[in-house]
Amino acid sequence: METTKKSTFKVLFYLKKNAPKKNGLVPIMCRITINGKQSAFSTKLDISATNWDLKYGRILGKSREAQDLNGKLDKIRLGIEECYSKILKNEGAVNSAKLKNAFLGMESGELTFFKFCEQFLLDFEKKVGSGLRVIGSYRRYRTLIKHLRNFANAFRKRILQCDFIEV
């Protein structure tokens, strides 16, 4: 008889108090823990640290703002749990990094913009070879994609230099 080890799975919301914003609000973070391995990401939500219920990982009060933010946190938790179930069903094993990436839409199998562009160029090159398209257009597309890639790399480097943005 084969026994399977049950994995531990937990979703926790917490405040990143060491990085308050200029307006005094602090970001709400989400931590996914599976079998002791953690992955965290920002929920893109901010609150005042005094309104946080540390025990339950939720916003205190019954104000409209508190209800809206708690609803958004519930939606995030539900989305993570659905991704967890889907990965567990399809692949049989889940880790925190894979779950985080699946929830945030950064799965490795997805087609990125530049992968799409490369495929477009390959297809266009074949059309040039068969006479359906002209080489000048192909060169212009290739140059455009080169410039876009350079811009994206420069932008990424600029973002990584900023202390206030978490990647």
N, C-alpha and C. Protein backbone atom coordinates (compact mmCIF):
# COMPACT_ATOMS: atom_id res chain seq x y z
N MET A 1 0.84 -1.19 0.00
CA MET A 1 0.00 0.00 0.00
C MET A 1 0.88 1.24 0.00
N GLU A 2 0.61 2.15 -0.93
CA GLU A 2 1.41 3.35 -1.07
C GLU A 2 0.80 4.47 -0.24
N THR A 3 1.63 5.17 0.51
CA THR A 3 1.13 6.30 1.29
C THR A 3 1.68 7.58 0.69
N THR A 4 0.84 8.58 0.63
CA THR A 4 1.28 9.87 0.13
C THR A 4 1.40 10.86 1.27
N LYS A 5 2.44 11.65 1.21
CA LYS A 5 2.66 12.65 2.25
C LYS A 5 1.76 13.84 1.99
N LYS A 6 1.00 14.23 2.97
CA LYS A 6 0.11 15.37 2.82
C LYS A 6 0.92 16.65 2.94
N SER A 7 0.73 17.55 1.99
CA SER A 7 1.49 18.79 2.02
C SER A 7 0.77 19.83 2.88
N THR A 8 1.56 20.70 3.49
CA THR A 8 0.99 21.79 4.26
C THR A 8 0.87 23.00 3.35
N PHE A 9 -0.24 23.68 3.41
CA PHE A 9 -0.51 24.81 2.54
C PHE A 9 -1.14 25.91 3.37
N LYS A 10 -0.56 27.12 3.30
CA LYS A 10 -1.09 28.24 4.06
C LYS A 10 -0.92 29.53 3.28
N VAL A 11 -1.91 30.39 3.38
CA VAL A 11 -1.86 31.72 2.79
C VAL A 11 -1.96 32.72 3.93
N LEU A 12 -1.01 33.64 3.99
CA LEU A 12 -0.95 34.62 5.07
C LEU A 12 -0.82 36.02 4.49
N PHE A 13 -1.60 36.95 5.01
CA PHE A 13 -1.47 38.35 4.64
C PHE A 13 -0.79 39.07 5.80
N TYR A 14 0.16 39.93 5.46
CA TYR A 14 0.88 40.69 6.50
C TYR A 14 1.26 42.05 5.96
N LEU A 15 1.65 42.95 6.86
CA LEU A 15 2.05 44.29 6.46
C LEU A 15 3.56 44.38 6.32
N LYS A 16 3.99 45.11 5.35
CA LYS A 16 5.42 45.36 5.17
C LYS A 16 5.72 46.70 5.85
N LYS A 17 5.83 46.65 7.17
CA LYS A 17 5.97 47.87 7.96
C LYS A 17 7.31 48.57 7.76
N ASN A 18 8.32 47.84 7.30
CA ASN A 18 9.63 48.46 7.13
C ASN A 18 9.72 49.29 5.84
N ALA A 19 8.65 49.33 5.05
CA ALA A 19 8.65 50.10 3.80
C ALA A 19 7.38 50.94 3.68
N PRO A 20 7.15 51.87 4.64
CA PRO A 20 5.95 52.71 4.52
C PRO A 20 6.08 53.67 3.34
N LYS A 21 4.96 54.00 2.76
CA LYS A 21 4.94 54.93 1.64
C LYS A 21 4.93 56.36 2.17
N LYS A 22 5.10 57.33 1.27
CA LYS A 22 5.16 58.74 1.67
C LYS A 22 3.89 59.20 2.35
N ASN A 23 2.76 58.60 1.97
CA ASN A 23 1.48 59.00 2.55
C ASN A 23 1.21 58.31 3.90
N GLY A 24 2.16 57.52 4.40
CA GLY A 24 2.02 56.87 5.70
C GLY A 24 1.39 55.49 5.66
N LEU A 25 0.87 55.10 4.51
CA LEU A 25 0.27 53.78 4.39
C LEU A 25 1.35 52.73 4.16
N VAL A 26 1.06 51.50 4.55
CA VAL A 26 2.01 50.41 4.36
C VAL A 26 1.38 49.36 3.43
N PRO A 27 2.22 48.71 2.61
CA PRO A 27 1.70 47.71 1.68
C PRO A 27 1.28 46.42 2.39
N ILE A 28 0.23 45.80 1.87
CA ILE A 28 -0.20 44.48 2.35
C ILE A 28 0.47 43.44 1.45
N MET A 29 1.17 42.51 2.07
CA MET A 29 1.88 41.45 1.36
C MET A 29 1.12 40.14 1.53
N CYS A 30 1.37 39.20 0.64
CA CYS A 30 0.79 37.87 0.73
C CYS A 30 1.93 36.87 0.73
N ARG A 31 1.90 35.94 1.68
CA ARG A 31 2.90 34.88 1.75
C ARG A 31 2.22 33.54 1.58
N ILE A 32 2.72 32.76 0.63
CA ILE A 32 2.24 31.40 0.40
C ILE A 32 3.29 30.46 0.96
N THR A 33 2.87 29.54 1.82
CA THR A 33 3.79 28.56 2.38
C THR A 33 3.29 27.17 2.04
N ILE A 34 4.16 26.38 1.42
CA ILE A 34 3.85 24.98 1.12
C ILE A 34 5.04 24.15 1.57
N ASN A 35 4.77 23.23 2.50
CA ASN A 35 5.81 22.36 3.05
C ASN A 35 7.02 23.15 3.55
N GLY A 36 6.78 24.27 4.19
CA GLY A 36 7.85 25.07 4.78
C GLY A 36 8.54 26.02 3.82
N LYS A 37 8.27 25.94 2.54
CA LYS A 37 8.88 26.83 1.55
C LYS A 37 7.94 28.00 1.31
N GLN A 38 8.51 29.22 1.36
CA GLN A 38 7.68 30.41 1.26
C GLN A 38 7.93 31.18 -0.02
N SER A 39 6.87 31.82 -0.50
CA SER A 39 6.94 32.76 -1.62
C SER A 39 6.02 33.91 -1.26
N ALA A 40 6.52 35.13 -1.45
CA ALA A 40 5.73 36.31 -1.09
C ALA A 40 5.60 37.24 -2.29
N PHE A 41 4.53 38.02 -2.28
CA PHE A 41 4.32 39.03 -3.31
C PHE A 41 3.43 40.13 -2.74
N SER A 42 3.46 41.27 -3.38
CA SER A 42 2.64 42.40 -2.95
C SER A 42 1.22 42.24 -3.50
N THR A 43 0.24 42.58 -2.67
CA THR A 43 -1.15 42.53 -3.12
C THR A 43 -1.54 43.81 -3.84
N LYS A 44 -0.65 44.80 -3.83
CA LYS A 44 -0.90 46.13 -4.41
C LYS A 44 -1.99 46.88 -3.65
N LEU A 45 -2.20 46.50 -2.38
CA LEU A 45 -3.13 47.19 -1.51
C LEU A 45 -2.36 47.85 -0.38
N ASP A 46 -2.83 49.03 0.09
CA ASP A 46 -2.16 49.76 1.16
C ASP A 46 -3.19 50.14 2.23
N ILE A 47 -2.73 50.12 3.49
CA ILE A 47 -3.58 50.57 4.58
C ILE A 47 -2.72 51.24 5.65
N SER A 48 -3.40 51.85 6.60
CA SER A 48 -2.71 52.38 7.78
C SER A 48 -2.42 51.21 8.72
N ALA A 49 -1.23 51.18 9.27
CA ALA A 49 -0.82 50.05 10.12
C ALA A 49 -1.72 49.91 11.35
N THR A 50 -2.35 50.99 11.79
CA THR A 50 -3.21 50.92 12.98
C THR A 50 -4.52 50.19 12.70
N ASN A 51 -4.88 50.04 11.42
CA ASN A 51 -6.15 49.39 11.05
C ASN A 51 -5.98 47.90 10.76
N TRP A 52 -4.84 47.32 11.07
CA TRP A 52 -4.55 45.94 10.73
C TRP A 52 -4.78 45.02 11.91
N ASP A 53 -5.51 43.93 11.70
CA ASP A 53 -5.71 42.91 12.72
C ASP A 53 -4.66 41.83 12.50
N LEU A 54 -3.64 41.84 13.34
CA LEU A 54 -2.50 40.94 13.18
C LEU A 54 -2.91 39.48 13.34
N LYS A 55 -3.84 39.21 14.24
CA LYS A 55 -4.24 37.84 14.52
C LYS A 55 -4.92 37.18 13.32
N TYR A 56 -5.78 37.92 12.64
CA TYR A 56 -6.56 37.35 11.54
C TYR A 56 -6.03 37.75 10.16
N GLY A 57 -5.08 38.65 10.09
CA GLY A 57 -4.54 39.08 8.81
C GLY A 57 -5.57 39.78 7.96
N ARG A 58 -6.32 40.68 8.59
CA ARG A 58 -7.39 41.40 7.90
C ARG A 58 -7.44 42.84 8.40
N ILE A 59 -8.27 43.65 7.76
CA ILE A 59 -8.43 45.04 8.15
C ILE A 59 -9.51 45.12 9.22
N LEU A 60 -9.23 45.89 10.26
CA LEU A 60 -10.19 46.08 11.35
C LEU A 60 -11.31 47.01 10.92
N GLY A 61 -12.46 46.85 11.53
CA GLY A 61 -13.56 47.79 11.34
C GLY A 61 -14.60 47.32 10.35
N LYS A 62 -15.68 48.12 10.28
CA LYS A 62 -16.78 47.80 9.39
C LYS A 62 -17.04 48.92 8.40
N SER A 63 -16.06 49.78 8.23
CA SER A 63 -16.21 50.88 7.28
C SER A 63 -16.27 50.32 5.86
N ARG A 64 -16.69 51.16 4.96
CA ARG A 64 -16.81 50.77 3.56
C ARG A 64 -15.43 50.36 3.01
N GLU A 65 -14.40 51.15 3.36
CA GLU A 65 -13.04 50.87 2.91
C GLU A 65 -12.56 49.52 3.45
N ALA A 66 -12.82 49.26 4.74
CA ALA A 66 -12.39 48.00 5.36
C ALA A 66 -13.07 46.81 4.70
N GLN A 67 -14.36 46.94 4.42
CA GLN A 67 -15.10 45.87 3.77
C GLN A 67 -14.59 45.62 2.36
N ASP A 68 -14.30 46.70 1.62
CA ASP A 68 -13.78 46.56 0.26
C ASP A 68 -12.41 45.87 0.26
N LEU A 69 -11.52 46.32 1.14
CA LEU A 69 -10.18 45.73 1.19
C LEU A 69 -10.22 44.28 1.65
N ASN A 70 -11.05 43.98 2.65
CA ASN A 70 -11.18 42.59 3.10
C ASN A 70 -11.76 41.71 1.99
N GLY A 71 -12.69 42.27 1.22
CA GLY A 71 -13.23 41.54 0.07
C GLY A 71 -12.16 41.24 -0.96
N LYS A 72 -11.27 42.20 -1.21
CA LYS A 72 -10.17 41.99 -2.15
C LYS A 72 -9.20 40.94 -1.63
N LEU A 73 -8.93 40.96 -0.32
CA LEU A 73 -8.05 39.94 0.28
C LEU A 73 -8.68 38.55 0.16
N ASP A 74 -9.99 38.48 0.39
CA ASP A 74 -10.70 37.19 0.24
C ASP A 74 -10.63 36.69 -1.20
N LYS A 75 -10.75 37.62 -2.15
CA LYS A 75 -10.68 37.25 -3.56
C LYS A 75 -9.29 36.71 -3.91
N ILE A 76 -8.25 37.34 -3.37
CA ILE A 76 -6.88 36.87 -3.61
C ILE A 76 -6.70 35.47 -3.02
N ARG A 77 -7.17 35.29 -1.77
CA ARG A 77 -7.04 33.98 -1.12
C ARG A 77 -7.77 32.91 -1.91
N LEU A 78 -8.97 33.21 -2.37
CA LEU A 78 -9.75 32.26 -3.15
C LEU A 78 -9.05 31.92 -4.47
N GLY A 79 -8.50 32.92 -5.12
CA GLY A 79 -7.78 32.69 -6.37
C GLY A 79 -6.56 31.79 -6.17
N ILE A 80 -5.85 32.02 -5.07
CA ILE A 80 -4.68 31.19 -4.76
C ILE A 80 -5.11 29.75 -4.49
N GLU A 81 -6.18 29.58 -3.73
CA GLU A 81 -6.67 28.24 -3.42
C GLU A 81 -7.14 27.52 -4.68
N GLU A 82 -7.77 28.24 -5.61
CA GLU A 82 -8.19 27.63 -6.87
C GLU A 82 -6.98 27.20 -7.69
N CYS A 83 -5.96 28.06 -7.75
CA CYS A 83 -4.73 27.69 -8.48
C CYS A 83 -4.07 26.48 -7.84
N TYR A 84 -4.06 26.44 -6.52
CA TYR A 84 -3.47 25.31 -5.80
C TYR A 84 -4.18 24.02 -6.18
N SER A 85 -5.51 24.05 -6.15
CA SER A 85 -6.29 22.85 -6.50
C SER A 85 -6.05 22.43 -7.94
N LYS A 86 -6.00 23.40 -8.85
CA LYS A 86 -5.80 23.10 -10.27
C LYS A 86 -4.42 22.47 -10.50
N ILE A 87 -3.38 23.04 -9.91
CA ILE A 87 -2.03 22.49 -10.10
C ILE A 87 -1.93 21.11 -9.47
N LEU A 88 -2.50 20.96 -8.28
CA LEU A 88 -2.45 19.67 -7.59
C LEU A 88 -3.16 18.60 -8.42
N LYS A 89 -4.28 18.96 -9.01
CA LYS A 89 -5.04 18.01 -9.83
C LYS A 89 -4.29 17.64 -11.11
N ASN A 90 -3.70 18.65 -11.77
CA ASN A 90 -3.05 18.43 -13.06
C ASN A 90 -1.65 17.83 -12.94
N GLU A 91 -0.91 18.26 -11.94
CA GLU A 91 0.49 17.85 -11.85
C GLU A 91 0.80 16.95 -10.66
N GLY A 92 -0.08 16.94 -9.68
CA GLY A 92 0.13 16.08 -8.52
C GLY A 92 1.00 16.66 -7.43
N ALA A 93 1.80 17.66 -7.74
CA ALA A 93 2.68 18.28 -6.75
C ALA A 93 2.69 19.78 -6.96
N VAL A 94 2.76 20.51 -5.86
CA VAL A 94 2.76 21.97 -5.90
C VAL A 94 3.89 22.48 -5.03
N ASN A 95 4.57 23.53 -5.48
CA ASN A 95 5.48 24.23 -4.59
C ASN A 95 5.08 25.71 -4.56
N SER A 96 5.59 26.44 -3.60
CA SER A 96 5.13 27.81 -3.38
C SER A 96 5.47 28.73 -4.55
N ALA A 97 6.65 28.57 -5.14
CA ALA A 97 7.03 29.43 -6.26
C ALA A 97 6.13 29.17 -7.48
N LYS A 98 5.86 27.91 -7.76
CA LYS A 98 4.99 27.56 -8.89
C LYS A 98 3.58 28.11 -8.68
N LEU A 99 3.08 28.00 -7.46
CA LEU A 99 1.75 28.50 -7.15
C LEU A 99 1.69 30.01 -7.28
N LYS A 100 2.69 30.70 -6.75
CA LYS A 100 2.73 32.16 -6.86
C LYS A 100 2.76 32.58 -8.32
N ASN A 101 3.61 31.95 -9.12
CA ASN A 101 3.70 32.30 -10.53
C ASN A 101 2.41 32.00 -11.28
N ALA A 102 1.77 30.91 -10.94
CA ALA A 102 0.49 30.58 -11.58
C ALA A 102 -0.57 31.61 -11.22
N PHE A 103 -0.62 32.00 -9.96
CA PHE A 103 -1.62 32.97 -9.52
C PHE A 103 -1.37 34.33 -10.16
N LEU A 104 -0.11 34.74 -10.26
CA LEU A 104 0.22 36.05 -10.83
C LEU A 104 0.25 36.05 -12.35
N GLY A 105 0.03 34.86 -12.96
CA GLY A 105 -0.02 34.78 -14.41
C GLY A 105 1.35 34.75 -15.06
N MET A 106 2.34 34.26 -14.34
CA MET A 106 3.70 34.21 -14.87
C MET A 106 4.14 32.76 -15.09
N GLU A 107 3.23 31.93 -15.52
CA GLU A 107 3.56 30.52 -15.76
C GLU A 107 4.57 30.42 -16.89
N SER A 108 5.46 29.48 -16.78
CA SER A 108 6.55 29.36 -17.75
C SER A 108 6.05 29.01 -19.15
N GLY A 109 4.91 28.39 -19.26
CA GLY A 109 4.40 27.99 -20.57
C GLY A 109 3.70 29.10 -21.33
N GLU A 110 3.52 30.24 -20.70
CA GLU A 110 2.80 31.32 -21.36
C GLU A 110 3.67 32.00 -22.40
N LEU A 111 3.05 32.55 -23.39
CA LEU A 111 3.74 33.24 -24.46
C LEU A 111 3.96 34.69 -24.06
N THR A 112 5.22 35.09 -23.92
CA THR A 112 5.52 36.48 -23.57
C THR A 112 5.50 37.33 -24.83
N PHE A 113 5.55 38.62 -24.65
CA PHE A 113 5.50 39.54 -25.78
C PHE A 113 6.66 39.29 -26.74
N PHE A 114 7.87 39.17 -26.19
CA PHE A 114 9.03 39.01 -27.06
C PHE A 114 9.10 37.62 -27.69
N LYS A 115 8.58 36.61 -27.03
CA LYS A 115 8.49 35.29 -27.67
C LYS A 115 7.52 35.35 -28.84
N PHE A 116 6.44 36.08 -28.63
CA PHE A 116 5.47 36.27 -29.71
C PHE A 116 6.12 36.99 -30.89
N CYS A 117 6.90 38.03 -30.58
CA CYS A 117 7.58 38.79 -31.64
C CYS A 117 8.56 37.91 -32.41
N GLU A 118 9.30 37.10 -31.69
CA GLU A 118 10.26 36.21 -32.36
C GLU A 118 9.53 35.23 -33.28
N GLN A 119 8.43 34.70 -32.83
CA GLN A 119 7.64 33.79 -33.66
C GLN A 119 7.08 34.52 -34.88
N PHE A 120 6.63 35.76 -34.66
CA PHE A 120 6.13 36.58 -35.77
C PHE A 120 7.22 36.78 -36.82
N LEU A 121 8.45 37.10 -36.35
CA LEU A 121 9.56 37.30 -37.28
C LEU A 121 9.89 36.04 -38.07
N LEU A 122 9.87 34.89 -37.39
CA LEU A 122 10.14 33.63 -38.08
C LEU A 122 9.09 33.37 -39.16
N ASP A 123 7.82 33.59 -38.81
CA ASP A 123 6.75 33.38 -39.78
C ASP A 123 6.87 34.37 -40.95
N PHE A 124 7.20 35.63 -40.62
CA PHE A 124 7.33 36.65 -41.64
C PHE A 124 8.49 36.34 -42.58
N GLU A 125 9.59 35.82 -42.00
CA GLU A 125 10.76 35.46 -42.80
C GLU A 125 10.41 34.35 -43.81
N LYS A 126 9.59 33.41 -43.39
CA LYS A 126 9.14 32.35 -44.30
C LYS A 126 8.30 32.93 -45.44
N LYS A 127 7.48 33.92 -45.11
CA LYS A 127 6.65 34.56 -46.14
C LYS A 127 7.51 35.34 -47.13
N VAL A 128 8.60 35.94 -46.60
CA VAL A 128 9.53 36.64 -47.49
C VAL A 128 10.17 35.64 -48.44
N GLY A 129 10.57 34.50 -47.89
CA GLY A 129 11.20 33.45 -48.71
C GLY A 129 10.27 32.93 -49.79
N SER A 130 8.98 32.89 -49.52
CA SER A 130 8.04 32.37 -50.52
C SER A 130 7.51 33.47 -51.44
N GLY A 131 7.93 34.71 -51.21
CA GLY A 131 7.53 35.80 -52.09
C GLY A 131 6.24 36.49 -51.70
N LEU A 132 5.63 36.13 -50.57
CA LEU A 132 4.38 36.77 -50.14
C LEU A 132 4.61 38.12 -49.48
N ARG A 133 5.80 38.33 -48.93
CA ARG A 133 6.16 39.59 -48.27
C ARG A 133 7.51 40.06 -48.78
N VAL A 134 7.80 41.35 -48.54
CA VAL A 134 9.08 41.91 -49.02
C VAL A 134 10.07 41.99 -47.88
N ILE A 135 11.36 41.93 -48.25
CA ILE A 135 12.43 41.91 -47.26
C ILE A 135 12.51 43.22 -46.46
N GLY A 136 12.13 44.33 -47.08
CA GLY A 136 12.18 45.64 -46.40
C GLY A 136 11.28 45.67 -45.17
N SER A 137 10.10 45.12 -45.29
CA SER A 137 9.17 45.07 -44.16
C SER A 137 9.72 44.19 -43.05
N TYR A 138 10.31 43.08 -43.45
CA TYR A 138 10.92 42.18 -42.46
C TYR A 138 12.00 42.90 -41.68
N ARG A 139 12.86 43.66 -42.36
CA ARG A 139 13.94 44.39 -41.69
C ARG A 139 13.38 45.45 -40.74
N ARG A 140 12.33 46.12 -41.17
CA ARG A 140 11.71 47.14 -40.30
C ARG A 140 11.13 46.51 -39.03
N TYR A 141 10.44 45.38 -39.19
CA TYR A 141 9.90 44.69 -38.01
C TYR A 141 11.03 44.24 -37.07
N ARG A 142 12.10 43.70 -37.66
CA ARG A 142 13.23 43.24 -36.85
C ARG A 142 13.86 44.41 -36.08
N THR A 143 14.01 45.56 -36.74
CA THR A 143 14.56 46.75 -36.09
C THR A 143 13.63 47.24 -34.99
N LEU A 144 12.34 47.25 -35.26
CA LEU A 144 11.37 47.68 -34.26
C LEU A 144 11.46 46.81 -33.01
N ILE A 145 11.51 45.51 -33.20
CA ILE A 145 11.56 44.59 -32.05
C ILE A 145 12.87 44.76 -31.29
N LYS A 146 13.97 45.02 -32.01
CA LYS A 146 15.26 45.27 -31.35
C LYS A 146 15.16 46.52 -30.46
N HIS A 147 14.55 47.59 -30.98
CA HIS A 147 14.40 48.82 -30.20
C HIS A 147 13.47 48.61 -29.00
N LEU A 148 12.40 47.87 -29.19
CA LEU A 148 11.49 47.58 -28.08
C LEU A 148 12.19 46.78 -26.98
N ARG A 149 13.01 45.81 -27.38
CA ARG A 149 13.74 45.00 -26.42
C ARG A 149 14.75 45.86 -25.64
N ASN A 150 15.45 46.75 -26.34
CA ASN A 150 16.39 47.66 -25.67
C ASN A 150 15.66 48.58 -24.69
N PHE A 151 14.50 49.10 -25.11
CA PHE A 151 13.72 49.95 -24.23
C PHE A 151 13.26 49.18 -22.99
N ALA A 152 12.77 47.97 -23.18
CA ALA A 152 12.28 47.16 -22.05
C ALA A 152 13.43 46.85 -21.09
N ASN A 153 14.61 46.54 -21.61
CA ASN A 153 15.75 46.26 -20.73
C ASN A 153 16.17 47.50 -19.96
N ALA A 154 16.20 48.66 -20.62
CA ALA A 154 16.56 49.90 -19.93
C ALA A 154 15.53 50.24 -18.86
N PHE A 155 14.26 50.04 -19.19
CA PHE A 155 13.18 50.32 -18.23
C PHE A 155 13.29 49.38 -17.03
N ARG A 156 13.57 48.11 -17.29
CA ARG A 156 13.70 47.12 -16.21
C ARG A 156 14.87 47.49 -15.29
N LYS A 157 16.00 47.88 -15.88
CA LYS A 157 17.15 48.29 -15.06
C LYS A 157 16.80 49.49 -14.21
N ARG A 158 16.06 50.43 -14.78
CA ARG A 158 15.66 51.64 -14.04
C ARG A 158 14.75 51.28 -12.87
N ILE A 159 13.82 50.38 -13.10
CA ILE A 159 12.89 49.96 -12.05
C ILE A 159 13.64 49.24 -10.94
N LEU A 160 14.59 48.38 -11.30
CA LEU A 160 15.33 47.63 -10.29
C LEU A 160 16.20 48.53 -9.42
N GLN A 161 16.53 49.72 -9.90
CA GLN A 161 17.32 50.66 -9.11
C GLN A 161 16.49 51.35 -8.04
N CYS A 162 15.18 51.36 -8.21
CA CYS A 162 14.29 52.04 -7.25
C CYS A 162 14.12 51.17 -6.01
N ASP A 163 14.23 51.78 -4.85
CA ASP A 163 14.08 51.04 -3.59
C ASP A 163 12.63 50.79 -3.22
N PHE A 164 11.72 51.61 -3.71
CA PHE A 164 10.34 51.53 -3.27
C PHE A 164 9.51 50.51 -4.02
N ILE A 165 10.03 49.91 -5.06
CA ILE A 165 9.28 48.94 -5.84
C ILE A 165 9.83 47.55 -5.54
N GLU A 166 8.93 46.63 -5.22
CA GLU A 166 9.34 45.26 -4.95
C GLU A 166 9.11 44.41 -6.18
N VAL A 167 10.14 43.70 -6.56
CA VAL A 167 10.04 42.84 -7.77
C VAL A 167 10.00 41.41 -7.34
